[in-house]
């Protein structure tokens, strides 16, 4: 039996990057302490957090300057 792994896909124009979400909580931002580090001026140092609760993924914007976009919609 195989286990599915959720993938975070970040698109910037033609550039597409994928990050496996293997932890209960994944942080995203420019700082090196984040789980997903994005060297992009539109990304805040501590930009967003993805949490797994009861098998469901939730994304929280951490008061980033430019907001977080999920499936084309600003969160």
PDB file of N, CA and C in Angstrom:
ATOM      1  N   UNK A   1       0.843  -1.177   0.000  1.00  0.00           N
ATOM      2  CA  UNK A   1       0.000   0.000   0.000  1.00  0.00           C
ATOM      3  C   UNK A   1       0.888   1.240   0.000  1.00  0.00           C
ATOM      4  N   UNK A   2       0.623   2.166  -0.889  1.00  0.00           N
ATOM      5  CA  UNK A   2       1.412   3.395  -0.957  1.00  0.00           C
ATOM      6  C   UNK A   2       0.694   4.521  -0.223  1.00  0.00           C
ATOM      7  N   UNK A   3       1.469   5.472   0.240  1.00  0.00           N
ATOM      8  CA  UNK A   3       0.926   6.624   0.945  1.00  0.00           C
ATOM      9  C   UNK A   3       1.066   7.846   0.053  1.00  0.00           C
ATOM     10  N   UNK A   4      -0.011   8.605  -0.086  1.00  0.00           N
ATOM     11  CA  UNK A   4       0.026   9.821  -0.903  1.00  0.00           C
ATOM     12  C   UNK A   4       0.765  10.920  -0.148  1.00  0.00           C
ATOM     13  N   UNK A   5       1.525  11.700  -0.876  1.00  0.00           N
ATOM     14  CA  UNK A   5       2.216  12.851  -0.303  1.00  0.00           C
ATOM     15  C   UNK A   5       1.683  14.094  -0.997  1.00  0.00           C
ATOM     16  N   UNK A   6       1.256  15.061  -0.193  1.00  0.00           N
ATOM     17  CA  UNK A   6       0.806  16.328  -0.767  1.00  0.00           C
ATOM     18  C   UNK A   6       2.023  17.102  -1.259  1.00  0.00           C
ATOM     19  N   UNK A   7       1.826  17.825  -2.348  1.00  0.00           N
ATOM     20  CA  UNK A   7       2.896  18.608  -2.961  1.00  0.00           C
ATOM     21  C   UNK A   7       2.474  20.074  -3.008  1.00  0.00           C
ATOM     22  N   UNK A   8       3.341  20.945  -2.524  1.00  0.00           N
ATOM     23  CA  UNK A   8       3.151  22.383  -2.674  1.00  0.00           C
ATOM     24  C   UNK A   8       3.766  22.763  -4.009  1.00  0.00           C
ATOM     25  N   UNK A   9       2.972  23.357  -4.877  1.00  0.00           N
ATOM     26  CA  UNK A   9       3.455  23.780  -6.191  1.00  0.00           C
ATOM     27  C   UNK A   9       3.444  25.299  -6.233  1.00  0.00           C
ATOM     28  N   UNK A  10       4.600  25.879  -6.493  1.00  0.00           N
ATOM     29  CA  UNK A  10       4.721  27.335  -6.573  1.00  0.00           C
ATOM     30  C   UNK A  10       5.068  27.691  -8.004  1.00  0.00           C
ATOM     31  N   UNK A  11       4.209  28.539  -8.601  1.00  0.00           N
ATOM     32  CA  UNK A  11       4.388  28.954  -9.997  1.00  0.00           C
ATOM     33  C   UNK A  11       4.740  30.430 -10.049  1.00  0.00           C
ATOM     34  N   UNK A  12       5.716  30.707 -10.860  1.00  0.00           N
ATOM     35  CA  UNK A  12       6.125  32.097 -11.115  1.00  0.00           C
ATOM     36  C   UNK A  12       6.393  32.170 -12.605  1.00  0.00           C
ATOM     37  N   UNK A  13       5.376  32.550 -13.383  1.00  0.00           N
ATOM     38  CA  UNK A  13       5.499  32.529 -14.835  1.00  0.00           C
ATOM     39  C   UNK A  13       5.664  31.096 -15.306  1.00  0.00           C
ATOM     40  N   UNK A  14       6.700  30.846 -16.095  1.00  0.00           N
ATOM     41  CA  UNK A  14       6.956  29.491 -16.604  1.00  0.00           C
ATOM     42  C   UNK A  14       7.707  28.629 -15.591  1.00  0.00           C
ATOM     43  N   UNK A  15       8.229  29.251 -14.541  1.00  0.00           N
ATOM     44  CA  UNK A  15       8.978  28.518 -13.517  1.00  0.00           C
ATOM     45  C   UNK A  15       8.004  27.857 -12.543  1.00  0.00           C
ATOM     46  N   UNK A  16       8.076  26.537 -12.430  1.00  0.00           N
ATOM     47  CA  UNK A  16       7.223  25.782 -11.508  1.00  0.00           C
ATOM     48  C   UNK A  16       8.130  24.978 -10.591  1.00  0.00           C
ATOM     49  N   UNK A  17       7.915  25.128  -9.287  1.00  0.00           N
ATOM     50  CA  UNK A  17       8.704  24.369  -8.308  1.00  0.00           C
ATOM     51  C   UNK A  17       7.756  23.582  -7.420  1.00  0.00           C
ATOM     52  N   UNK A  18       8.178  22.375  -7.070  1.00  0.00           N
ATOM     53  CA  UNK A  18       7.356  21.503  -6.233  1.00  0.00           C
ATOM     54  C   UNK A  18       8.104  21.163  -4.950  1.00  0.00           C
ATOM     55  N   UNK A  19       7.362  21.191  -3.838  1.00  0.00           N
ATOM     56  CA  UNK A  19       7.924  20.892  -2.528  1.00  0.00           C
ATOM     57  C   UNK A  19       7.006  19.885  -1.840  1.00  0.00           C
ATOM     58  N   UNK A  20       7.526  18.720  -1.425  1.00  0.00           N
ATOM     59  CA  UNK A  20       6.684  17.754  -0.719  1.00  0.00           C
ATOM     60  C   UNK A  20       6.338  18.275   0.676  1.00  0.00           C
ATOM     61  N   UNK A  21       5.092  18.106   1.068  1.00  0.00           N
ATOM     62  CA  UNK A  21       4.634  18.533   2.390  1.00  0.00           C
ATOM     63  C   UNK A  21       4.613  17.303   3.297  1.00  0.00           C
ATOM     64  N   UNK A  22       5.719  17.054   3.964  1.00  0.00           N
ATOM     65  CA  UNK A  22       5.858  15.846   4.770  1.00  0.00           C
ATOM     66  C   UNK A  22       5.706  16.105   6.265  1.00  0.00           C
ATOM     67  N   UNK A  23       5.689  17.367   6.665  1.00  0.00           N
ATOM     68  CA  UNK A  23       5.606  17.714   8.083  1.00  0.00           C
ATOM     69  C   UNK A  23       4.183  18.127   8.458  1.00  0.00           C
ATOM     70  N   UNK A  24       3.915  18.125   9.746  1.00  0.00           N
ATOM     71  CA  UNK A  24       2.618  18.579  10.259  1.00  0.00           C
ATOM     72  C   UNK A  24       2.419  20.067   9.959  1.00  0.00           C
ATOM     73  N   UNK A  25       3.517  20.831  10.044  1.00  0.00           N
ATOM     74  CA  UNK A  25       3.469  22.263   9.762  1.00  0.00           C
ATOM     75  C   UNK A  25       4.672  22.625   8.895  1.00  0.00           C
ATOM     76  N   UNK A  26       4.432  23.387   7.837  1.00  0.00           N
ATOM     77  CA  UNK A  26       5.475  23.825   6.913  1.00  0.00           C
ATOM     78  C   UNK A  26       5.432  25.341   6.830  1.00  0.00           C
ATOM     79  N   UNK A  27       6.575  25.990   7.028  1.00  0.00           N
ATOM     80  CA  UNK A  27       6.629  27.443   6.917  1.00  0.00           C
ATOM     81  C   UNK A  27       7.273  27.832   5.592  1.00  0.00           C
ATOM     82  N   UNK A  28       6.824  28.980   5.074  1.00  0.00           N
ATOM     83  CA  UNK A  28       7.278  29.478   3.777  1.00  0.00           C
ATOM     84  C   UNK A  28       7.735  30.920   3.955  1.00  0.00           C
ATOM     85  N   UNK A  29       8.883  31.267   3.385  1.00  0.00           N
ATOM     86  CA  UNK A  29       9.358  32.640   3.452  1.00  0.00           C
ATOM     87  C   UNK A  29      10.763  32.774   2.908  1.00  0.00           C
ATOM     88  N   UNK A  30      11.319  33.987   3.036  1.00  0.00           N
ATOM     89  CA  UNK A  30      12.670  34.264   2.536  1.00  0.00           C
ATOM     90  C   UNK A  30      13.764  33.845   3.506  1.00  0.00           C
ATOM     91  N   UNK A  31      13.466  33.829   4.810  1.00  0.00           N
ATOM     92  CA  UNK A  31      14.494  33.493   5.802  1.00  0.00           C
ATOM     93  C   UNK A  31      14.896  32.028   5.713  1.00  0.00           C
ATOM     94  N   UNK A  32      16.165  31.764   5.980  1.00  0.00           N
ATOM     95  CA  UNK A  32      16.690  30.410   5.914  1.00  0.00           C
ATOM     96  C   UNK A  32      16.083  29.442   6.908  1.00  0.00           C
ATOM     97  N   UNK A  33      15.444  29.941   7.969  1.00  0.00           N
ATOM     98  CA  UNK A  33      14.844  29.051   8.967  1.00  0.00           C
ATOM     99  C   UNK A  33      13.532  28.430   8.487  1.00  0.00           C
ATOM    100  N   UNK A  34      12.967  28.915   7.386  1.00  0.00           N
ATOM    101  CA  UNK A  34      11.713  28.362   6.864  1.00  0.00           C
ATOM    102  C   UNK A  34      11.947  26.999   6.229  1.00  0.00           C
ATOM    103  N   UNK A  35      10.889  26.191   6.186  1.00  0.00           N
ATOM    104  CA  UNK A  35      10.972  24.880   5.535  1.00  0.00           C
ATOM    105  C   UNK A  35      11.082  25.037   4.024  1.00  0.00           C
ATOM    106  N   UNK A  36      10.356  26.007   3.478  1.00  0.00           N
ATOM    107  CA  UNK A  36      10.420  26.321   2.048  1.00  0.00           C
ATOM    108  C   UNK A  36      10.956  27.745   1.945  1.00  0.00           C
ATOM    109  N   UNK A  37      12.173  27.884   1.447  1.00  0.00           N
ATOM    110  CA  UNK A  37      12.820  29.192   1.336  1.00  0.00           C
ATOM    111  C   UNK A  37      12.708  29.661  -0.107  1.00  0.00           C
ATOM    112  N   UNK A  38      12.108  30.855  -0.276  1.00  0.00           N
ATOM    113  CA  UNK A  38      11.909  31.428  -1.606  1.00  0.00           C
ATOM    114  C   UNK A  38      12.670  32.747  -1.686  1.00  0.00           C
ATOM    115  N   UNK A  39      13.655  32.811  -2.546  1.00  0.00           N
ATOM    116  CA  UNK A  39      14.443  34.020  -2.737  1.00  0.00           C
ATOM    117  C   UNK A  39      13.738  34.892  -3.772  1.00  0.00           C
ATOM    118  N   UNK A  40      12.730  35.616  -3.300  1.00  0.00           N
ATOM    119  CA  UNK A  40      11.880  36.421  -4.182  1.00  0.00           C
ATOM    120  C   UNK A  40      11.488  37.672  -3.414  1.00  0.00           C
ATOM    121  N   UNK A  41      11.680  38.839  -4.008  1.00  0.00           N
ATOM    122  CA  UNK A  41      11.398  40.099  -3.316  1.00  0.00           C
ATOM    123  C   UNK A  41       9.927  40.266  -2.954  1.00  0.00           C
ATOM    124  N   UNK A  42       9.028  39.523  -3.587  1.00  0.00           N
ATOM    125  CA  UNK A  42       7.607  39.627  -3.253  1.00  0.00           C
ATOM    126  C   UNK A  42       7.201  38.688  -2.116  1.00  0.00           C
ATOM    127  N   UNK A  43       8.145  37.898  -1.631  1.00  0.00           N
ATOM    128  CA  UNK A  43       7.894  36.975  -0.526  1.00  0.00           C
ATOM    129  C   UNK A  43       8.447  37.597   0.748  1.00  0.00           C
ATOM    130  N   UNK A  44       7.642  37.613   1.806  1.00  0.00           N
ATOM    131  CA  UNK A  44       8.086  38.149   3.093  1.00  0.00           C
ATOM    132  C   UNK A  44       9.037  37.176   3.781  1.00  0.00           C
ATOM    133  N   UNK A  45       9.772  37.677   4.764  1.00  0.00           N
ATOM    134  CA  UNK A  45      10.711  36.818   5.497  1.00  0.00           C
ATOM    135  C   UNK A  45       9.993  35.624   6.115  1.00  0.00           C
ATOM    136  N   UNK A  46       8.843  35.865   6.715  1.00  0.00           N
ATOM    137  CA  UNK A  46       7.970  34.808   7.248  1.00  0.00           C
ATOM    138  C   UNK A  46       6.625  35.021   6.585  1.00  0.00           C
ATOM    139  N   UNK A  47       6.376  34.347   5.494  1.00  0.00           N
ATOM    140  CA  UNK A  47       5.261  34.667   4.608  1.00  0.00           C
ATOM    141  C   UNK A  47       3.972  33.901   4.927  1.00  0.00           C
ATOM    142  N   UNK A  48       4.058  32.574   5.011  1.00  0.00           N
ATOM    143  CA  UNK A  48       2.851  31.765   5.207  1.00  0.00           C
ATOM    144  C   UNK A  48       3.198  30.466   5.918  1.00  0.00           C
ATOM    145  N   UNK A  49       2.142  29.822   6.418  1.00  0.00           N
ATOM    146  CA  UNK A  49       2.298  28.544   7.105  1.00  0.00           C
ATOM    147  C   UNK A  49       1.236  27.584   6.578  1.00  0.00           C
ATOM    148  N   UNK A  50       1.621  26.350   6.328  1.00  0.00           N
ATOM    149  CA  UNK A  50       0.674  25.304   5.937  1.00  0.00           C
ATOM    150  C   UNK A  50       0.640  24.292   7.072  1.00  0.00           C
ATOM    151  N   UNK A  51      -0.568  24.018   7.578  1.00  0.00           N
ATOM    152  CA  UNK A  51      -0.734  23.067   8.673  1.00  0.00           C
ATOM    153  C   UNK A  51      -1.654  21.937   8.253  1.00  0.00           C
ATOM    154  N   UNK A  52      -1.346  20.755   8.726  1.00  0.00           N
ATOM    155  CA  UNK A  52      -2.199  19.590   8.496  1.00  0.00           C
ATOM    156  C   UNK A  52      -2.970  19.331   9.789  1.00  0.00           C
ATOM    157  N   UNK A  53      -4.310  19.406   9.708  1.00  0.00           N
ATOM    158  CA  UNK A  53      -5.169  19.124  10.860  1.00  0.00           C
ATOM    159  C   UNK A  53      -6.238  18.131  10.442  1.00  0.00           C
ATOM    160  N   UNK A  54      -6.265  16.990  11.095  1.00  0.00           N
ATOM    161  CA  UNK A  54      -7.245  15.940  10.792  1.00  0.00           C
ATOM    162  C   UNK A  54      -7.256  15.588   9.307  1.00  0.00           C
ATOM    163  N   UNK A  55      -6.070  15.528   8.710  1.00  0.00           N
ATOM    164  CA  UNK A  55      -5.953  15.130   7.311  1.00  0.00           C
ATOM    165  C   UNK A  55      -6.267  16.217   6.300  1.00  0.00           C
ATOM    166  N   UNK A  56      -6.539  17.433   6.769  1.00  0.00           N
ATOM    167  CA  UNK A  56      -6.862  18.557   5.882  1.00  0.00           C
ATOM    168  C   UNK A  56      -5.742  19.589   5.980  1.00  0.00           C
ATOM    169  N   UNK A  57      -5.335  20.139   4.829  1.00  0.00           N
ATOM    170  CA  UNK A  57      -4.293  21.164   4.810  1.00  0.00           C
ATOM    171  C   UNK A  57      -4.917  22.554   4.878  1.00  0.00           C
ATOM    172  N   UNK A  58      -4.360  23.395   5.743  1.00  0.00           N
ATOM    173  CA  UNK A  58      -4.809  24.777   5.901  1.00  0.00           C
ATOM    174  C   UNK A  58      -3.612  25.690   5.669  1.00  0.00           C
ATOM    175  N   UNK A  59      -3.827  26.771   4.914  1.00  0.00           N
ATOM    176  CA  UNK A  59      -2.759  27.747   4.708  1.00  0.00           C
ATOM    177  C   UNK A  59      -3.139  29.040   5.418  1.00  0.00           C
ATOM    178  N   UNK A  60      -2.159  29.625   6.106  1.00  0.00           N
ATOM    179  CA  UNK A  60      -2.365  30.869   6.833  1.00  0.00           C
ATOM    180  C   UNK A  60      -1.323  31.872   6.373  1.00  0.00           C
ATOM    181  N   UNK A  61      -1.775  33.033   5.936  1.00  0.00           N
ATOM    182  CA  UNK A  61      -0.860  34.114   5.598  1.00  0.00           C
ATOM    183  C   UNK A  61      -0.382  34.729   6.906  1.00  0.00           C
ATOM    184  N   UNK A  62       0.903  34.938   7.056  1.00  0.00           N
ATOM    185  CA  UNK A  62       1.479  35.462   8.296  1.00  0.00           C
ATOM    186  C   UNK A  62       1.670  36.972   8.217  1.00  0.00           C
ATOM    187  N   UNK A  63       0.603  37.666   7.809  1.00  0.00           N
ATOM    188  CA  UNK A  63       0.620  39.128   7.658  1.00  0.00           C
ATOM    189  C   UNK A  63       1.712  39.574   6.692  1.00  0.00           C
ATOM    190  N   UNK A  64       1.855  38.827   5.605  1.00  0.00           N
ATOM    191  CA  UNK A  64       2.865  39.164   4.603  1.00  0.00           C
ATOM    192  C   UNK A  64       2.499  40.469   3.903  1.00  0.00           C
ATOM    193  N   UNK A  65       3.486  41.126   3.361  1.00  0.00           N
ATOM    194  CA  UNK A  65       3.269  42.395   2.671  1.00  0.00           C
ATOM    195  C   UNK A  65       2.397  42.238   1.431  1.00  0.00           C
ATOM    196  N   UNK A  66       2.645  41.208   0.640  1.00  0.00           N
ATOM    197  CA  UNK A  66       1.953  41.041  -0.639  1.00  0.00           C
ATOM    198  C   UNK A  66       0.835  40.015  -0.622  1.00  0.00           C
ATOM    199  N   UNK A  67       0.562  39.413   0.520  1.00  0.00           N
ATOM    200  CA  UNK A  67      -0.515  38.432   0.609  1.00  0.00           C
ATOM    201  C   UNK A  67      -0.110  37.076   0.047  1.00  0.00           C
ATOM    202  N   UNK A  68      -1.005  36.117   0.207  1.00  0.00           N
ATOM    203  CA  UNK A  68      -0.786  34.748  -0.257  1.00  0.00           C
ATOM    204  C   UNK A  68      -1.872  34.402  -1.256  1.00  0.00           C
ATOM    205  N   UNK A  69      -1.481  33.818  -2.370  1.00  0.00           N
ATOM    206  CA  UNK A  69      -2.440  33.443  -3.412  1.00  0.00           C
ATOM    207  C   UNK A  69      -2.522  31.930  -3.459  1.00  0.00           C
ATOM    208  N   UNK A  70      -3.741  31.410  -3.366  1.00  0.00           N
ATOM    209  CA  UNK A  70      -3.995  29.969  -3.414  1.00  0.00           C
ATOM    210  C   UNK A  70      -4.969  29.697  -4.542  1.00  0.00           C
ATOM    211  N   UNK A  71      -4.543  28.908  -5.518  1.00  0.00           N
ATOM    212  CA  UNK A  71      -5.385  28.592  -6.683  1.00  0.00           C
ATOM    213  C   UNK A  71      -5.920  29.857  -7.360  1.00  0.00           C
ATOM    214  N   UNK A  72      -5.076  30.880  -7.443  1.00  0.00           N
ATOM    215  CA  UNK A  72      -5.437  32.112  -8.132  1.00  0.00           C
ATOM    216  C   UNK A  72      -6.195  33.126  -7.297  1.00  0.00           C
ATOM    217  N   UNK A  73      -6.542  32.780  -6.052  1.00  0.00           N
ATOM    218  CA  UNK A  73      -7.305  33.695  -5.195  1.00  0.00           C
ATOM    219  C   UNK A  73      -6.448  34.147  -4.015  1.00  0.00           C
ATOM    220  N   UNK A  74      -6.469  35.456  -3.760  1.00  0.00           N
ATOM    221  CA  UNK A  74      -5.723  36.007  -2.624  1.00  0.00           C
ATOM    222  C   UNK A  74      -6.396  35.567  -1.328  1.00  0.00           C
ATOM    223  N   UNK A  75      -5.576  35.123  -0.385  1.00  0.00           N
ATOM    224  CA  UNK A  75      -6.087  34.643   0.907  1.00  0.00           C
ATOM    225  C   UNK A  75      -6.045  35.752   1.933  1.00  0.00           C
TER     226      UNK A  75
END
